[in-house]
Amino acid sequence: SVVFVNVKAPRPWAKRNNDVIAEGVQRYPKNAVLADWHAASADRPELFVEDGIHPHPEGQRIYADLIAAHLESP
């Protein structure tokens, strides 16, 4: 499987990027899954440094756990 990770950023391009990522997941429903970082970090400004994009260590842990939850065991 391929894990797509969407974005959480206070930038005008974020929604369009997330739309493109979602389309990619839909295009390959048997092989692709979405790790929804946008939803997981919504209304959680404490997870980010001042730029609102890059996560603090706690946000990094949540981000990694989100991805790991979608990985298959060998």
N, C-alpha and C. Protein backbone atom coordinates (compact mmCIF):
# COMPACT_ATOMS: atom_id res chain seq x y z
N SER A 1 0.83 -1.20 0.00
CA SER A 1 0.00 0.00 0.00
C SER A 1 0.87 1.25 0.00
N VAL A 2 0.29 2.31 -0.51
CA VAL A 2 0.92 3.62 -0.52
C VAL A 2 0.15 4.49 0.47
N VAL A 3 0.88 5.15 1.34
CA VAL A 3 0.27 6.05 2.31
C VAL A 3 0.45 7.48 1.82
N PHE A 4 -0.65 8.13 1.54
CA PHE A 4 -0.63 9.55 1.19
C PHE A 4 -0.84 10.33 2.49
N VAL A 5 -0.12 11.41 2.66
CA VAL A 5 -0.27 12.26 3.83
C VAL A 5 -0.64 13.65 3.33
N ASN A 6 -1.77 14.17 3.80
CA ASN A 6 -2.15 15.51 3.37
C ASN A 6 -1.48 16.56 4.24
N VAL A 7 -1.75 17.83 3.96
CA VAL A 7 -1.03 18.91 4.62
C VAL A 7 -1.93 19.72 5.53
N LYS A 8 -1.30 20.36 6.49
CA LYS A 8 -1.96 21.32 7.37
C LYS A 8 -1.07 22.55 7.34
N ALA A 9 -1.53 23.58 6.68
CA ALA A 9 -0.73 24.80 6.54
C ALA A 9 -1.65 26.00 6.36
N PRO A 10 -1.35 27.09 7.04
CA PRO A 10 -2.14 28.31 6.86
C PRO A 10 -1.68 29.05 5.59
N ARG A 11 -1.84 28.38 4.47
CA ARG A 11 -1.41 28.92 3.18
C ARG A 11 -2.52 28.70 2.16
N PRO A 12 -2.60 29.57 1.16
CA PRO A 12 -3.67 29.43 0.16
C PRO A 12 -3.60 28.14 -0.66
N TRP A 13 -2.41 27.57 -0.80
CA TRP A 13 -2.26 26.37 -1.61
C TRP A 13 -2.67 25.09 -0.89
N ALA A 14 -2.87 25.13 0.42
CA ALA A 14 -3.11 23.91 1.20
C ALA A 14 -4.36 23.16 0.76
N LYS A 15 -5.46 23.84 0.58
CA LYS A 15 -6.71 23.15 0.21
C LYS A 15 -6.56 22.46 -1.15
N ARG A 16 -5.99 23.16 -2.10
CA ARG A 16 -5.83 22.56 -3.43
C ARG A 16 -4.90 21.34 -3.37
N ASN A 17 -3.81 21.45 -2.61
CA ASN A 17 -2.92 20.30 -2.46
C ASN A 17 -3.66 19.12 -1.84
N ASN A 18 -4.45 19.38 -0.82
CA ASN A 18 -5.20 18.30 -0.17
C ASN A 18 -6.23 17.69 -1.12
N ASP A 19 -6.82 18.52 -1.97
CA ASP A 19 -7.75 17.99 -2.98
C ASP A 19 -7.03 17.05 -3.94
N VAL A 20 -5.84 17.45 -4.39
CA VAL A 20 -5.07 16.61 -5.32
C VAL A 20 -4.67 15.31 -4.63
N ILE A 21 -4.25 15.38 -3.38
CA ILE A 21 -3.88 14.18 -2.63
C ILE A 21 -5.08 13.26 -2.48
N ALA A 22 -6.23 13.80 -2.13
CA ALA A 22 -7.45 12.99 -1.99
C ALA A 22 -7.82 12.32 -3.32
N GLU A 23 -7.64 13.04 -4.41
CA GLU A 23 -7.92 12.45 -5.73
C GLU A 23 -6.99 11.28 -6.00
N GLY A 24 -5.73 11.40 -5.59
CA GLY A 24 -4.78 10.31 -5.76
C GLY A 24 -5.19 9.07 -4.99
N VAL A 25 -5.66 9.27 -3.78
CA VAL A 25 -6.13 8.14 -2.97
C VAL A 25 -7.34 7.49 -3.63
N GLN A 26 -8.26 8.29 -4.12
CA GLN A 26 -9.46 7.75 -4.77
C GLN A 26 -9.12 7.02 -6.05
N ARG A 27 -8.09 7.46 -6.73
CA ARG A 27 -7.69 6.84 -7.99
C ARG A 27 -7.19 5.41 -7.78
N TYR A 28 -6.64 5.14 -6.62
CA TYR A 28 -6.07 3.82 -6.32
C TYR A 28 -6.66 3.25 -5.03
N PRO A 29 -7.95 2.99 -5.02
CA PRO A 29 -8.61 2.57 -3.77
C PRO A 29 -8.11 1.25 -3.19
N LYS A 30 -7.54 0.39 -4.01
CA LYS A 30 -7.05 -0.90 -3.51
C LYS A 30 -5.63 -0.79 -2.95
N ASN A 31 -4.90 0.24 -3.36
CA ASN A 31 -3.49 0.33 -2.99
C ASN A 31 -3.14 1.56 -2.16
N ALA A 32 -4.03 2.49 -2.00
CA ALA A 32 -3.69 3.75 -1.35
C ALA A 32 -4.60 4.03 -0.16
N VAL A 33 -4.01 4.66 0.85
CA VAL A 33 -4.76 5.10 2.02
C VAL A 33 -4.33 6.53 2.35
N LEU A 34 -5.18 7.23 3.05
CA LEU A 34 -4.89 8.60 3.45
C LEU A 34 -4.59 8.67 4.93
N ALA A 35 -3.43 9.18 5.28
CA ALA A 35 -3.11 9.55 6.66
C ALA A 35 -3.51 11.02 6.75
N ASP A 36 -4.62 11.29 7.38
CA ASP A 36 -5.23 12.62 7.36
C ASP A 36 -4.64 13.54 8.43
N TRP A 37 -3.48 14.08 8.13
CA TRP A 37 -2.80 14.99 9.04
C TRP A 37 -3.62 16.26 9.24
N HIS A 38 -4.28 16.71 8.19
CA HIS A 38 -5.09 17.92 8.31
C HIS A 38 -6.16 17.75 9.39
N ALA A 39 -6.87 16.64 9.36
CA ALA A 39 -7.92 16.40 10.36
C ALA A 39 -7.32 16.15 11.75
N ALA A 40 -6.22 15.40 11.80
CA ALA A 40 -5.62 15.06 13.09
C ALA A 40 -5.06 16.28 13.82
N SER A 41 -4.69 17.30 13.05
CA SER A 41 -4.09 18.49 13.66
C SER A 41 -5.01 19.71 13.65
N ALA A 42 -6.24 19.52 13.19
CA ALA A 42 -7.20 20.64 13.15
C ALA A 42 -7.44 21.17 14.56
N ASP A 43 -7.47 22.47 14.67
CA ASP A 43 -7.73 23.14 15.96
C ASP A 43 -6.72 22.73 17.02
N ARG A 44 -5.50 22.44 16.61
CA ARG A 44 -4.42 22.06 17.54
C ARG A 44 -3.19 22.93 17.29
N PRO A 45 -3.30 24.25 17.41
CA PRO A 45 -2.16 25.13 17.11
C PRO A 45 -0.95 24.86 18.00
N GLU A 46 -1.16 24.26 19.16
CA GLU A 46 -0.05 23.97 20.06
C GLU A 46 0.90 22.91 19.49
N LEU A 47 0.48 22.21 18.45
CA LEU A 47 1.33 21.19 17.83
C LEU A 47 2.39 21.79 16.92
N PHE A 48 2.27 23.08 16.60
CA PHE A 48 3.11 23.70 15.58
C PHE A 48 3.98 24.83 16.13
N VAL A 49 5.10 25.04 15.43
CA VAL A 49 5.92 26.22 15.71
C VAL A 49 5.20 27.43 15.13
N GLU A 50 5.82 28.57 15.24
CA GLU A 50 5.16 29.84 14.89
C GLU A 50 4.66 29.91 13.45
N ASP A 51 5.28 29.20 12.52
CA ASP A 51 4.85 29.28 11.12
C ASP A 51 3.54 28.53 10.86
N GLY A 52 3.07 27.73 11.81
CA GLY A 52 1.82 27.00 11.64
C GLY A 52 1.92 25.81 10.71
N ILE A 53 3.13 25.48 10.27
CA ILE A 53 3.32 24.36 9.33
C ILE A 53 4.15 23.26 9.98
N HIS A 54 5.28 23.62 10.54
CA HIS A 54 6.22 22.64 11.08
C HIS A 54 5.84 22.30 12.53
N PRO A 55 5.76 21.01 12.82
CA PRO A 55 5.30 20.60 14.15
C PRO A 55 6.40 20.64 15.22
N HIS A 56 5.95 20.90 16.44
CA HIS A 56 6.78 20.73 17.64
C HIS A 56 6.98 19.23 17.85
N PRO A 57 7.84 18.82 18.79
CA PRO A 57 8.04 17.38 19.04
C PRO A 57 6.74 16.60 19.28
N GLU A 58 5.81 17.14 20.03
CA GLU A 58 4.54 16.43 20.24
C GLU A 58 3.78 16.26 18.93
N GLY A 59 3.76 17.28 18.10
CA GLY A 59 3.13 17.18 16.79
C GLY A 59 3.85 16.19 15.90
N GLN A 60 5.18 16.13 16.01
CA GLN A 60 5.96 15.17 15.24
C GLN A 60 5.58 13.74 15.63
N ARG A 61 5.39 13.51 16.92
CA ARG A 61 5.01 12.17 17.39
C ARG A 61 3.64 11.79 16.84
N ILE A 62 2.70 12.71 16.91
CA ILE A 62 1.35 12.44 16.40
C ILE A 62 1.39 12.18 14.90
N TYR A 63 2.17 12.97 14.18
CA TYR A 63 2.34 12.81 12.73
C TYR A 63 2.89 11.41 12.41
N ALA A 64 3.96 11.02 13.10
CA ALA A 64 4.56 9.71 12.86
C ALA A 64 3.61 8.58 13.23
N ASP A 65 2.91 8.72 14.35
CA ASP A 65 1.95 7.69 14.76
C ASP A 65 0.81 7.55 13.75
N LEU A 66 0.39 8.66 13.19
CA LEU A 66 -0.67 8.66 12.18
C LEU A 66 -0.25 7.84 10.97
N ILE A 67 0.98 8.06 10.53
CA ILE A 67 1.48 7.32 9.38
C ILE A 67 1.67 5.85 9.74
N ALA A 68 2.28 5.60 10.87
CA ALA A 68 2.54 4.22 11.31
C ALA A 68 1.26 3.40 11.41
N ALA A 69 0.18 4.03 11.79
CA ALA A 69 -1.10 3.32 11.91
C ALA A 69 -1.59 2.78 10.56
N HIS A 70 -1.08 3.34 9.47
CA HIS A 70 -1.50 2.90 8.13
C HIS A 70 -0.52 1.95 7.46
N LEU A 71 0.58 1.67 8.13
CA LEU A 71 1.57 0.77 7.54
C LEU A 71 1.24 -0.66 7.89
N GLU A 72 1.46 -1.52 6.93
CA GLU A 72 1.20 -2.95 7.14
C GLU A 72 2.44 -3.59 7.75
N SER A 73 2.24 -4.55 8.60
CA SER A 73 3.35 -5.31 9.16
C SER A 73 3.86 -6.27 8.08
N PRO A 74 5.18 -6.49 8.06
CA PRO A 74 5.73 -7.42 7.03
C PRO A 74 5.31 -8.85 7.26
